[in-house]
Amino acid sequence: MERATLARPYAEAVGKLAAEGKAWDRWSERLALLALVADDAQMRDLAGNPAVPAARVAEVILAVCGDKLGAEGGNLATLLVENKRLSLLPEIVALFEVLKAAQEGELTAHITSAYELSNEQLAGLVAKLEAKLGRNITATQSLDVELIGGVVIQVGDEVMDSSVRGGLASLAVTLKA
């Protein structure tokens, strides 16, 4: 199963708590702290050691984080440890930040192109996305020469593929049918 699929229920639950308490920034900080602690090599070793009970791992995380997590953040940390989902924190953080941005009326789009887009091309593409989606868009960009030409745009879970590689793959599927 894909990691994002496993992480989504946790991110959505935290998003619900953040919305109810109007505490998006506070939860963002809590999740960032948890992710930082969970990513520590010693913590990964401790959490991955079958001889160490989950309660002890949670206890160590809570001790390291101090009172910065609050009661709800502590509950989340304990739940993640008990369910052996601590390693999903990077995905939980990323999905939560998407929810937070959507709540604030902003979406993040990742644009992959075969060639570097000029500032004007990127701005034009962002303007078209904003018009289509009716939201403010923050764009990040990366290169993938295997696309041959065109772009692949990912906004949340939605992927818009107008690359030459994507077109050729669609044509191959059509020809095989």
Protein backbone atom coordinates (compact mmCIF):
# COMPACT_ATOMS: atom_id res chain seq x y z
CA MET A 1 0.00 0.00 0.00
CA GLU A 2 1.25 3.47 -0.83
CA ARG A 3 2.64 5.50 2.07
CA ALA A 4 0.46 8.53 1.28
CA THR A 5 -2.64 6.32 1.49
CA LEU A 6 -1.58 5.14 4.94
CA ALA A 7 -0.74 8.67 6.08
CA ARG A 8 -3.90 10.37 4.80
CA PRO A 9 -6.26 9.40 7.69
CA TYR A 10 -3.78 10.77 10.24
CA ALA A 11 -3.30 14.01 8.30
CA GLU A 12 -7.06 14.45 7.90
CA ALA A 13 -7.66 13.81 11.60
CA VAL A 14 -5.03 16.39 12.54
CA GLY A 15 -6.55 18.76 9.98
CA LYS A 16 -9.94 18.36 11.64
CA LEU A 17 -8.43 19.11 15.06
CA ALA A 18 -6.60 22.14 13.63
CA ALA A 19 -9.79 23.45 12.02
CA GLU A 20 -11.87 22.96 15.18
CA GLY A 21 -9.28 24.76 17.31
CA LYS A 22 -8.31 27.28 14.62
CA ALA A 23 -4.76 26.10 15.31
CA TRP A 24 -3.31 25.37 11.87
CA ASP A 25 0.05 27.00 12.62
CA ARG A 26 0.36 25.34 16.03
CA TRP A 27 -0.31 21.90 14.49
CA SER A 28 2.14 22.66 11.70
CA GLU A 29 4.82 23.30 14.35
CA ARG A 30 3.86 20.17 16.33
CA LEU A 31 4.05 17.95 13.25
CA ALA A 32 7.37 19.47 12.18
CA LEU A 33 8.81 18.78 15.64
CA LEU A 34 7.49 15.21 15.66
CA ALA A 35 8.92 14.58 12.19
CA LEU A 36 12.28 15.96 13.25
CA VAL A 37 12.42 13.77 16.36
CA ALA A 38 11.18 10.66 14.50
CA ASP A 39 13.80 11.16 11.78
CA ASP A 40 16.68 11.07 14.28
CA ALA A 41 18.83 7.96 13.67
CA GLN A 42 18.74 6.89 17.33
CA MET A 43 14.98 7.33 17.47
CA ARG A 44 14.53 5.28 14.28
CA ASP A 45 16.67 2.52 15.80
CA LEU A 46 14.68 2.62 19.04
CA ALA A 47 11.30 2.58 17.25
CA GLY A 48 12.44 -0.22 14.95
CA ASN A 49 13.73 -2.41 17.78
CA PRO A 50 11.16 -5.17 18.46
CA ALA A 51 12.54 -5.62 22.00
CA VAL A 52 11.49 -2.07 22.97
CA PRO A 53 7.79 -1.76 23.84
CA ALA A 54 5.74 0.89 22.02
CA ALA A 55 4.92 2.59 25.32
CA ARG A 56 8.64 3.14 25.97
CA VAL A 57 9.20 4.60 22.48
CA ALA A 58 6.27 6.99 22.97
CA GLU A 59 7.61 7.91 26.42
CA VAL A 60 11.01 8.82 24.94
CA ILE A 61 9.43 10.90 22.14
CA LEU A 62 7.27 12.78 24.63
CA ALA A 63 10.28 13.39 26.88
CA VAL A 64 12.34 14.74 23.98
CA CYS A 65 9.54 17.01 22.76
CA GLY A 66 8.69 18.29 26.22
CA ASP A 67 5.48 20.28 26.49
CA LYS A 68 5.74 21.59 22.91
CA LEU A 69 3.34 18.92 21.62
CA GLY A 70 0.52 19.59 24.04
CA ALA A 71 -1.87 16.83 25.09
CA GLU A 72 -3.30 16.28 21.60
CA GLY A 73 0.14 16.18 19.98
CA GLY A 74 1.26 13.70 22.62
CA ASN A 75 -1.77 11.54 21.85
CA LEU A 76 -0.91 11.62 18.15
CA ALA A 77 2.69 10.61 18.84
CA THR A 78 1.54 7.71 21.03
CA LEU A 79 -0.98 6.59 18.41
CA LEU A 80 1.63 6.67 15.64
CA VAL A 81 4.05 4.62 17.75
CA GLU A 82 1.41 2.06 18.77
CA ASN A 83 0.28 1.62 15.15
CA LYS A 84 3.90 1.45 13.90
CA ARG A 85 3.30 4.50 11.70
CA LEU A 86 6.01 6.81 13.05
CA SER A 87 7.93 6.48 9.77
CA LEU A 88 4.94 8.03 7.95
CA LEU A 89 5.48 11.43 9.56
CA PRO A 90 7.04 13.04 6.45
CA GLU A 91 3.95 12.07 4.42
CA ILE A 92 1.59 13.12 7.23
CA VAL A 93 3.33 16.51 7.40
CA ALA A 94 3.15 16.96 3.61
CA LEU A 95 -0.55 16.03 3.45
CA PHE A 96 -1.36 18.24 6.44
CA GLU A 97 0.41 21.19 4.82
CA VAL A 98 -1.70 20.67 1.68
CA LEU A 99 -4.85 20.75 3.85
CA LYS A 100 -3.58 23.84 5.64
CA ALA A 101 -2.83 25.61 2.35
CA ALA A 102 -6.27 24.67 1.00
CA GLN A 103 -7.85 26.04 4.18
CA GLU A 104 -5.94 29.27 3.61
CA GLY A 105 -7.14 29.33 0.00
CA GLU A 106 -3.80 28.36 -1.49
CA LEU A 107 -2.74 25.24 -3.37
CA THR A 108 0.72 23.98 -4.19
CA ALA A 109 1.43 22.80 -7.72
CA HIS A 110 4.52 20.87 -8.67
CA ILE A 111 5.43 21.35 -12.31
CA THR A 112 7.80 18.92 -13.98
CA SER A 113 9.06 19.82 -17.43
CA ALA A 114 11.58 18.47 -19.89
CA TYR A 115 13.26 21.88 -20.11
CA GLU A 116 13.67 24.80 -17.71
CA LEU A 117 10.64 27.10 -17.93
CA SER A 118 11.28 30.83 -18.13
CA ASN A 119 9.78 33.06 -15.44
CA GLU A 120 7.19 34.26 -17.96
CA GLN A 121 6.22 30.70 -18.96
CA LEU A 122 5.95 29.64 -15.31
CA ALA A 123 3.88 32.72 -14.42
CA GLY A 124 1.56 32.07 -17.40
CA LEU A 125 1.10 28.45 -16.39
CA VAL A 126 0.37 29.44 -12.77
CA ALA A 127 -2.15 32.06 -13.95
CA LYS A 128 -3.97 29.42 -16.04
CA LEU A 129 -4.02 27.02 -13.08
CA GLU A 130 -5.36 29.72 -10.78
CA ALA A 131 -8.12 30.52 -13.28
CA LYS A 132 -9.00 26.84 -13.71
CA LEU A 133 -8.97 25.97 -9.99
CA GLY A 134 -10.16 29.29 -8.58
CA ARG A 135 -7.42 29.32 -5.93
CA ASN A 136 -4.04 30.94 -5.39
CA ILE A 137 -1.26 28.65 -6.57
CA THR A 138 2.28 28.36 -5.27
CA ALA A 139 4.40 26.50 -7.81
CA THR A 140 7.55 24.46 -7.51
CA GLN A 141 9.43 23.24 -10.54
CA SER A 142 11.69 20.32 -11.43
CA LEU A 143 13.21 18.90 -14.59
CA ASP A 144 12.81 15.43 -16.10
CA VAL A 145 14.39 15.09 -19.54
CA GLU A 146 12.58 11.77 -20.03
CA LEU A 147 9.34 13.72 -20.56
CA ILE A 148 10.75 14.65 -24.00
CA GLY A 149 8.54 17.77 -24.09
CA GLY A 150 5.51 19.32 -22.40
CA VAL A 151 4.77 19.36 -18.68
CA VAL A 152 3.33 17.24 -15.88
CA ILE A 153 1.50 19.24 -13.21
CA GLN A 154 0.59 17.78 -9.83
CA VAL A 155 -1.83 19.64 -7.59
CA GLY A 156 -2.62 17.58 -4.51
CA ASP A 157 -3.72 14.15 -5.74
CA GLU A 158 -4.56 15.37 -9.25
CA VAL A 159 -1.99 14.90 -12.02
CA MET A 160 -2.30 16.67 -15.37
CA ASP A 161 0.06 15.08 -17.89
CA SER A 162 0.56 16.95 -21.15
CA SER A 163 4.04 15.58 -21.75
CA VAL A 164 5.17 13.89 -24.93
CA ARG A 165 6.03 10.78 -22.90
CA GLY A 166 2.49 10.74 -21.46
CA GLY A 167 1.00 11.13 -24.93
CA LEU A 168 3.09 8.28 -26.28
CA ALA A 169 2.07 6.06 -23.35
CA SER A 170 -1.62 6.82 -24.03
CA LEU A 171 -1.16 6.05 -27.71
CA ALA A 172 0.53 2.74 -26.85
CA VAL A 173 -2.41 1.76 -24.61
CA THR A 174 -4.87 2.68 -27.36
CA LEU A 175 -2.99 0.66 -29.95
CA LYS A 176 -2.86 -2.39 -27.68
CA ALA A 177 -6.63 -2.30 -27.03
